[in-house]
C-alpha atoms as a PDB file:
ATOM      1  CA  MET A   1     -23.992-182.541 -49.668  1.00  0.00           C
ATOM      2  CA  SER A   2     -20.690-183.228 -47.923  1.00  0.00           C
ATOM      3  CA  ARG A   3     -20.403-185.968 -45.171  1.00  0.00           C
ATOM      4  CA  ASP A   4     -19.577-183.238 -42.618  1.00  0.00           C
ATOM      5  CA  ALA A   5     -22.587-181.047 -43.613  1.00  0.00           C
ATOM      6  CA  ALA A   6     -24.747-184.147 -43.333  1.00  0.00           C
ATOM      7  CA  GLU A   7     -23.353-185.176 -39.995  1.00  0.00           C
ATOM      8  CA  GLN A   8     -24.131-181.556 -38.685  1.00  0.00           C
ATOM      9  CA  LEU A   9     -27.664-181.673 -39.963  1.00  0.00           C
ATOM     10  CA  ALA A  10     -28.169-185.068 -38.507  1.00  0.00           C
ATOM     11  CA  LEU A  11     -26.994-184.094 -35.181  1.00  0.00           C
ATOM     12  CA  GLN A  12     -29.409-181.138 -35.254  1.00  0.00           C
ATOM     13  CA  ALA A  13     -32.164-183.734 -35.944  1.00  0.00           C
ATOM     14  CA  VAL A  14     -30.969-185.820 -33.055  1.00  0.00           C
ATOM     15  CA  VAL A  15     -31.174-182.799 -30.739  1.00  0.00           C
ATOM     16  CA  TRP A  16     -34.480-181.894 -32.033  1.00  0.00           C
ATOM     17  CA  LEU A  17     -35.772-185.256 -31.476  1.00  0.00           C
ATOM     18  CA  ALA A  18     -34.430-185.517 -27.991  1.00  0.00           C
ATOM     19  CA  GLY A  19     -36.335-182.341 -27.171  1.00  0.00           C
ATOM     20  CA  ASN A  20     -39.593-183.542 -28.673  1.00  0.00           C
ATOM     21  CA  ASP A  21     -41.516-185.123 -25.826  1.00  0.00           C
ATOM     22  CA  GLU A  22     -44.140-186.701 -28.169  1.00  0.00           C
ATOM     23  CA  LEU A  23     -41.912-188.151 -30.718  1.00  0.00           C
ATOM     24  CA  LEU A  24     -38.840-189.327 -28.595  1.00  0.00           C
ATOM     25  CA  PRO A  25     -40.814-192.219 -26.998  1.00  0.00           C
ATOM     26  CA  VAL A  26     -42.054-193.242 -30.376  1.00  0.00           C
ATOM     27  CA  PHE A  27     -38.483-193.379 -31.639  1.00  0.00           C
ATOM     28  CA  MET A  28     -37.273-195.128 -28.512  1.00  0.00           C
ATOM     29  CA  GLY A  29     -40.025-197.773 -28.805  1.00  0.00           C
ATOM     30  CA  SER A  30     -39.494-198.286 -32.401  1.00  0.00           C
ATOM     31  CA  THR A  31     -35.755-198.807 -32.153  1.00  0.00           C
ATOM     32  CA  GLY A  32     -35.562-200.442 -28.833  1.00  0.00           C
ATOM     33  CA  ALA A  33     -32.998-197.916 -27.706  1.00  0.00           C
ATOM     34  CA  ASP A  34     -32.786-196.819 -24.186  1.00  0.00           C
ATOM     35  CA  GLU A  35     -31.760-193.364 -22.813  1.00  0.00           C
ATOM     36  CA  ALA A  36     -28.181-194.468 -22.223  1.00  0.00           C
ATOM     37  CA  ALA A  37     -27.852-195.839 -25.865  1.00  0.00           C
ATOM     38  CA  PHE A  38     -29.351-192.798 -27.233  1.00  0.00           C
ATOM     39  CA  ARG A  39     -26.924-190.571 -25.426  1.00  0.00           C
ATOM     40  CA  GLU A  40     -23.911-192.904 -26.244  1.00  0.00           C
ATOM     41  CA  SER A  41     -24.778-192.879 -29.929  1.00  0.00           C
ATOM     42  CA  LEU A  42     -25.114-189.122 -30.559  1.00  0.00           C
ATOM     43  CA  GLY A  43     -21.892-188.895 -32.599  1.00  0.00           C
ATOM     44  CA  VAL A  44     -22.303-192.190 -34.449  1.00  0.00           C
ATOM     45  CA  PRO A  45     -23.156-191.450 -38.225  1.00  0.00           C
ATOM     46  CA  GLU A  46     -25.167-194.694 -38.339  1.00  0.00           C
ATOM     47  CA  PHE A  47     -27.412-193.694 -35.378  1.00  0.00           C
ATOM     48  CA  GLN A  48     -27.724-190.225 -36.853  1.00  0.00           C
ATOM     49  CA  ALA A  49     -28.890-191.670 -40.067  1.00  0.00           C
ATOM     50  CA  SER A  50     -31.421-193.811 -38.188  1.00  0.00           C
ATOM     51  CA  VAL A  51     -32.732-190.584 -36.682  1.00  0.00           C
ATOM     52  CA  LEU A  52     -33.150-189.060 -40.252  1.00  0.00           C
ATOM     53  CA  ASP A  53     -34.840-192.226 -41.535  1.00  0.00           C
ATOM     54  CA  PHE A  54     -37.342-191.989 -38.597  1.00  0.00           C
ATOM     55  CA  ILE A  55     -38.054-188.252 -39.105  1.00  0.00           C
ATOM     56  CA  MET A  56     -38.545-188.868 -42.743  1.00  0.00           C
ATOM     57  CA  MET A  57     -41.273-191.478 -42.188  1.00  0.00           C
ATOM     58  CA  ASP A  58     -43.808-188.642 -41.654  1.00  0.00           C
ATOM     59  CA  ASP A  59     -44.181-185.416 -43.634  1.00  0.00           C
ATOM     60  CA  THR A  60     -45.375-183.612 -40.642  1.00  0.00           C
ATOM     61  CA  TRP A  61     -42.178-184.477 -38.745  1.00  0.00           C
ATOM     62  CA  VAL A  62     -39.984-183.289 -41.771  1.00  0.00           C
ATOM     63  CA  ILE A  63     -42.008-180.181 -41.875  1.00  0.00           C
ATOM     64  CA  ALA A  64     -41.690-179.473 -38.118  1.00  0.00           C
ATOM     65  CA  PHE A  65     -37.977-180.175 -38.063  1.00  0.00           C
ATOM     66  CA  CYS A  66     -37.193-178.167 -41.295  1.00  0.00           C
ATOM     67  CA  ASP A  67     -39.386-175.223 -40.298  1.00  0.00           C
ATOM     68  CA  THR A  68     -37.767-175.121 -36.818  1.00  0.00           C
ATOM     69  CA  HIS A  69     -34.261-175.069 -38.320  1.00  0.00           C
ATOM     70  CA  ALA A  70     -35.055-172.955 -41.374  1.00  0.00           C
ATOM     71  CA  VAL A  71     -33.832-175.640 -43.803  1.00  0.00           C
ATOM     72  CA  PRO A  72     -35.410-176.758 -47.113  1.00  0.00           C
ATOM     73  CA  TYR A  73     -37.591-179.896 -46.820  1.00  0.00           C
ATOM     74  CA  ASP A  74     -35.410-181.936 -49.174  1.00  0.00           C
ATOM     75  CA  ARG A  75     -32.267-181.209 -47.195  1.00  0.00           C
ATOM     76  CA  LEU A  76     -32.958-184.159 -44.762  1.00  0.00           C
ATOM     77  CA  MET A  77     -33.017-186.553 -47.821  1.00  0.00           C
ATOM     78  CA  GLN A  78     -29.787-185.020 -49.149  1.00  0.00           C
ATOM     79  CA  ALA A  79     -28.236-185.570 -45.556  1.00  0.00           C
ATOM     80  CA  ARG A  80     -29.443-189.141 -45.533  1.00  0.00           C
ATOM     81  CA  ALA A  81     -27.977-189.902 -48.742  1.00  0.00           C
ATOM     82  CA  ALA A  82     -24.458-188.694 -47.529  1.00  0.00           C
ATOM     83  CA  LEU A  83     -24.542-190.831 -44.392  1.00  0.00           C
ATOM     84  CA  PRO A  84     -23.720-194.615 -44.260  1.00  0.00           C
ATOM     85  CA  GLY A  85     -26.357-196.736 -45.931  1.00  0.00           C
ATOM     86  CA  GLY A  86     -27.937-193.789 -47.692  1.00  0.00           C
ATOM     87  CA  GLN A  87     -26.944-194.737 -51.178  1.00  0.00           C
ATOM     88  CA  GLN A  88     -29.705-195.286 -53.735  1.00  0.00           C
ATOM     89  CA  VAL A  89     -29.966-199.013 -54.512  1.00  0.00           C
ATOM     90  CA  ASN A  90     -29.986-199.820 -58.119  1.00  0.00           C
ATOM     91  CA  TRP A  91     -31.659-203.314 -58.475  1.00  0.00           C
ATOM     92  CA  THR A  92     -31.073-203.570 -62.264  1.00  0.00           C
END
């Protein structure tokens, strides 16, 4: 997946999360971000990556997002890998 495609999908995830009244407070509480920081970071790839990391913590969240946007379930992982910090770590 290209970096641009990953950022586009991640931005969709940010918008989806912002519109989710149940999950948004959980994200805000777990990251410590306030509403102003959330809005200011919309276009920042590292922030977008953190949203993907958050959504991928729970399969039901992945399914809800992917079903809403008609994307394959593994697409979030592919997008995350293309964003900063998403490279596979090889410890050997």
